[in-house]
Amino acid sequence: MKKVSRVKKIISLFIIILAFSTAPLPAWSAPEILAVCGPCSRAFLPVAEETIRELGLAEKVTVQLTTCLGECGASPVIEFRGNIYGFMTKDKLKNLLNNTFPHLDENHKKEEFI
């Protein structure tokens, strides 16, 4: 009986680890990584991907889920270039990317990111 109980515990731990882990980056990934907090901001992933496509940055920025960024109270949360940004919206993300990549055409330019 103890072996079965131990196996169940190991399997449960493995499932938890899989739930909070991320897949490795594909070989074709872009040089910049925009990480979306998986545990608390998973729903923001499609918004971030859509924004990257709209701005024409798909070859420059890869969006991926990551493990907990430790800012659950500020969800949705992203990490970009070593900085963590909370309470993220599509407009805030556009402003951040416009200021990071100044080559974007003027139609995509927004006010200063706050």
C-alpha atoms as a PDB file:
ATOM      1  CA  MET A   1       0.000   0.000   0.000  1.00  0.00           C
ATOM      2  CA  LYS A   2       2.786   2.434   0.835  1.00  0.00           C
ATOM      3  CA  LYS A   3       4.272   2.045  -2.656  1.00  0.00           C
ATOM      4  CA  VAL A   4       0.955   2.970  -4.275  1.00  0.00           C
ATOM      5  CA  SER A   5       0.596   6.005  -2.023  1.00  0.00           C
ATOM      6  CA  ARG A   6       4.134   7.142  -2.817  1.00  0.00           C
ATOM      7  CA  VAL A   7       3.594   6.695  -6.558  1.00  0.00           C
ATOM      8  CA  LYS A   8       0.402   8.784  -6.364  1.00  0.00           C
ATOM      9  CA  LYS A   9       2.308  11.561  -4.575  1.00  0.00           C
ATOM     10  CA  ILE A  10       5.053  11.533  -7.198  1.00  0.00           C
ATOM     11  CA  ILE A  11       2.519  11.626 -10.030  1.00  0.00           C
ATOM     12  CA  SER A  12       0.640  14.492  -8.343  1.00  0.00           C
ATOM     13  CA  LEU A  13       3.864  16.457  -7.948  1.00  0.00           C
ATOM     14  CA  PHE A  14       4.758  15.817 -11.590  1.00  0.00           C
ATOM     15  CA  ILE A  15       1.335  17.091 -12.727  1.00  0.00           C
ATOM     16  CA  ILE A  16       1.723  20.267 -10.659  1.00  0.00           C
ATOM     17  CA  ILE A  17       5.181  20.893 -12.114  1.00  0.00           C
ATOM     18  CA  LEU A  18       3.839  20.433 -15.640  1.00  0.00           C
ATOM     19  CA  ALA A  19       0.960  22.829 -14.973  1.00  0.00           C
ATOM     20  CA  PHE A  20       3.316  25.664 -14.043  1.00  0.00           C
ATOM     21  CA  SER A  21       6.129  24.986 -16.480  1.00  0.00           C
ATOM     22  CA  THR A  22       6.482  26.412 -19.959  1.00  0.00           C
ATOM     23  CA  ALA A  23       7.486  24.808 -23.205  1.00  0.00           C
ATOM     24  CA  PRO A  24      10.964  25.535 -24.534  1.00  0.00           C
ATOM     25  CA  LEU A  25      11.253  28.214 -27.172  1.00  0.00           C
ATOM     26  CA  PRO A  26      11.059  26.963 -30.733  1.00  0.00           C
ATOM     27  CA  ALA A  27      14.175  27.294 -32.879  1.00  0.00           C
ATOM     28  CA  TRP A  28      12.518  30.062 -34.914  1.00  0.00           C
ATOM     29  CA  SER A  29      11.799  32.331 -31.941  1.00  0.00           C
ATOM     30  CA  ALA A  30      12.412  36.064 -32.236  1.00  0.00           C
ATOM     31  CA  PRO A  31      15.321  37.726 -30.421  1.00  0.00           C
ATOM     32  CA  GLU A  32      13.096  39.563 -27.888  1.00  0.00           C
ATOM     33  CA  ILE A  33      10.899  37.676 -25.405  1.00  0.00           C
ATOM     34  CA  LEU A  34       7.664  39.077 -24.002  1.00  0.00           C
ATOM     35  CA  ALA A  35       6.756  36.759 -21.132  1.00  0.00           C
ATOM     36  CA  VAL A  36       3.171  36.571 -19.904  1.00  0.00           C
ATOM     37  CA  CYS A  37       2.707  35.260 -16.355  1.00  0.00           C
ATOM     38  CA  GLY A  38       1.129  31.837 -16.843  1.00  0.00           C
ATOM     39  CA  PRO A  39      -0.542  31.258 -13.475  1.00  0.00           C
ATOM     40  CA  CYS A  40      -2.384  34.601 -13.198  1.00  0.00           C
ATOM     41  CA  SER A  41      -2.347  36.211 -16.662  1.00  0.00           C
ATOM     42  CA  ARG A  42      -2.816  33.329 -19.102  1.00  0.00           C
ATOM     43  CA  ALA A  43      -5.879  35.032 -20.622  1.00  0.00           C
ATOM     44  CA  PHE A  44      -3.679  37.979 -21.691  1.00  0.00           C
ATOM     45  CA  LEU A  45      -1.559  35.743 -23.973  1.00  0.00           C
ATOM     46  CA  PRO A  46      -3.843  36.036 -27.064  1.00  0.00           C
ATOM     47  CA  VAL A  47      -4.096  39.812 -26.528  1.00  0.00           C
ATOM     48  CA  ALA A  48      -0.303  40.114 -26.462  1.00  0.00           C
ATOM     49  CA  GLU A  49       0.084  37.911 -29.550  1.00  0.00           C
ATOM     50  CA  GLU A  50      -2.521  39.941 -31.447  1.00  0.00           C
ATOM     51  CA  THR A  51      -0.814  43.219 -30.478  1.00  0.00           C
ATOM     52  CA  ILE A  52       2.575  41.934 -31.656  1.00  0.00           C
ATOM     53  CA  ARG A  53       1.040  40.943 -35.009  1.00  0.00           C
ATOM     54  CA  GLU A  54      -0.807  44.271 -35.390  1.00  0.00           C
ATOM     55  CA  LEU A  55       2.429  46.202 -34.857  1.00  0.00           C
ATOM     56  CA  GLY A  56       4.339  44.000 -37.299  1.00  0.00           C
ATOM     57  CA  LEU A  57       6.759  42.781 -34.633  1.00  0.00           C
ATOM     58  CA  ALA A  58       6.310  39.022 -35.040  1.00  0.00           C
ATOM     59  CA  GLU A  59       9.903  38.633 -36.269  1.00  0.00           C
ATOM     60  CA  LYS A  60      11.271  40.733 -33.415  1.00  0.00           C
ATOM     61  CA  VAL A  61       9.220  39.641 -30.381  1.00  0.00           C
ATOM     62  CA  THR A  62       8.180  36.172 -29.254  1.00  0.00           C
ATOM     63  CA  VAL A  63       5.300  35.955 -26.782  1.00  0.00           C
ATOM     64  CA  GLN A  64       5.410  33.061 -24.347  1.00  0.00           C
ATOM     65  CA  LEU A  65       3.906  31.955 -21.060  1.00  0.00           C
ATOM     66  CA  THR A  66       6.273  31.874 -18.126  1.00  0.00           C
ATOM     67  CA  THR A  67       6.157  30.693 -14.552  1.00  0.00           C
ATOM     68  CA  CYS A  68       4.894  32.962 -11.782  1.00  0.00           C
ATOM     69  CA  LEU A  69       6.347  36.481 -11.903  1.00  0.00           C
ATOM     70  CA  GLY A  70       5.321  37.128  -8.297  1.00  0.00           C
ATOM     71  CA  GLU A  71       2.945  40.016  -9.012  1.00  0.00           C
ATOM     72  CA  CYS A  72      -0.433  38.273  -8.951  1.00  0.00           C
ATOM     73  CA  GLY A  73      -2.121  41.305  -7.412  1.00  0.00           C
ATOM     74  CA  ALA A  74      -1.250  43.346 -10.510  1.00  0.00           C
ATOM     75  CA  SER A  75      -2.601  40.899 -13.098  1.00  0.00           C
ATOM     76  CA  PRO A  76      -2.289  40.811 -16.061  1.00  0.00           C
ATOM     77  CA  VAL A  77       1.487  40.843 -15.656  1.00  0.00           C
ATOM     78  CA  ILE A  78       4.231  40.671 -18.289  1.00  0.00           C
ATOM     79  CA  GLU A  79       8.022  40.703 -18.249  1.00  0.00           C
ATOM     80  CA  PHE A  80       9.878  42.432 -21.067  1.00  0.00           C
ATOM     81  CA  ARG A  81      13.599  43.187 -21.212  1.00  0.00           C
ATOM     82  CA  GLY A  82      14.038  42.395 -17.541  1.00  0.00           C
ATOM     83  CA  ASN A  83      11.231  44.669 -16.339  1.00  0.00           C
ATOM     84  CA  ILE A  84       7.914  43.517 -14.905  1.00  0.00           C
ATOM     85  CA  TYR A  85       4.774  45.449 -15.865  1.00  0.00           C
ATOM     86  CA  GLY A  86       1.460  44.993 -14.088  1.00  0.00           C
ATOM     87  CA  PHE A  87      -2.147  45.935 -14.799  1.00  0.00           C
ATOM     88  CA  MET A  88      -1.294  45.468 -18.482  1.00  0.00           C
ATOM     89  CA  THR A  89      -3.805  46.382 -21.172  1.00  0.00           C
ATOM     90  CA  LYS A  90      -3.589  46.238 -24.932  1.00  0.00           C
ATOM     91  CA  ASP A  91      -3.050  50.018 -25.110  1.00  0.00           C
ATOM     92  CA  LYS A  92      -0.307  49.947 -22.465  1.00  0.00           C
ATOM     93  CA  LEU A  93       1.424  47.129 -24.330  1.00  0.00           C
ATOM     94  CA  LYS A  94       1.224  49.065 -27.610  1.00  0.00           C
ATOM     95  CA  ASN A  95       2.749  52.118 -25.919  1.00  0.00           C
ATOM     96  CA  LEU A  96       5.543  50.046 -24.405  1.00  0.00           C
ATOM     97  CA  LEU A  97       6.379  48.431 -27.743  1.00  0.00           C
ATOM     98  CA  ASN A  98       6.146  51.708 -29.670  1.00  0.00           C
ATOM     99  CA  ASN A  99       8.669  53.255 -27.300  1.00  0.00           C
ATOM    100  CA  THR A 100      10.923  50.195 -27.472  1.00  0.00           C
ATOM    101  CA  PHE A 101      10.894  49.953 -31.263  1.00  0.00           C
ATOM    102  CA  PRO A 102      11.009  53.546 -32.587  1.00  0.00           C
ATOM    103  CA  HIS A 103      11.033  52.360 -36.221  1.00  0.00           C
ATOM    104  CA  LEU A 104       7.283  51.638 -36.108  1.00  0.00           C
ATOM    105  CA  ASP A 105       5.354  53.815 -38.514  1.00  0.00           C
ATOM    106  CA  GLU A 106       3.583  56.876 -37.152  1.00  0.00           C
ATOM    107  CA  ASN A 107       0.148  55.210 -37.353  1.00  0.00           C
ATOM    108  CA  HIS A 108       1.170  52.980 -34.444  1.00  0.00           C
ATOM    109  CA  LYS A 109       2.760  55.717 -32.306  1.00  0.00           C
ATOM    110  CA  LYS A 110       1.055  56.497 -29.010  1.00  0.00           C
ATOM    111  CA  GLU A 111       1.758  58.760 -26.065  1.00  0.00           C
ATOM    112  CA  GLU A 112       4.599  58.050 -23.641  1.00  0.00           C
ATOM    113  CA  PHE A 113       4.258  54.715 -21.755  1.00  0.00           C
ATOM    114  CA  ILE A 114       3.418  55.273 -18.102  1.00  0.00           C
END
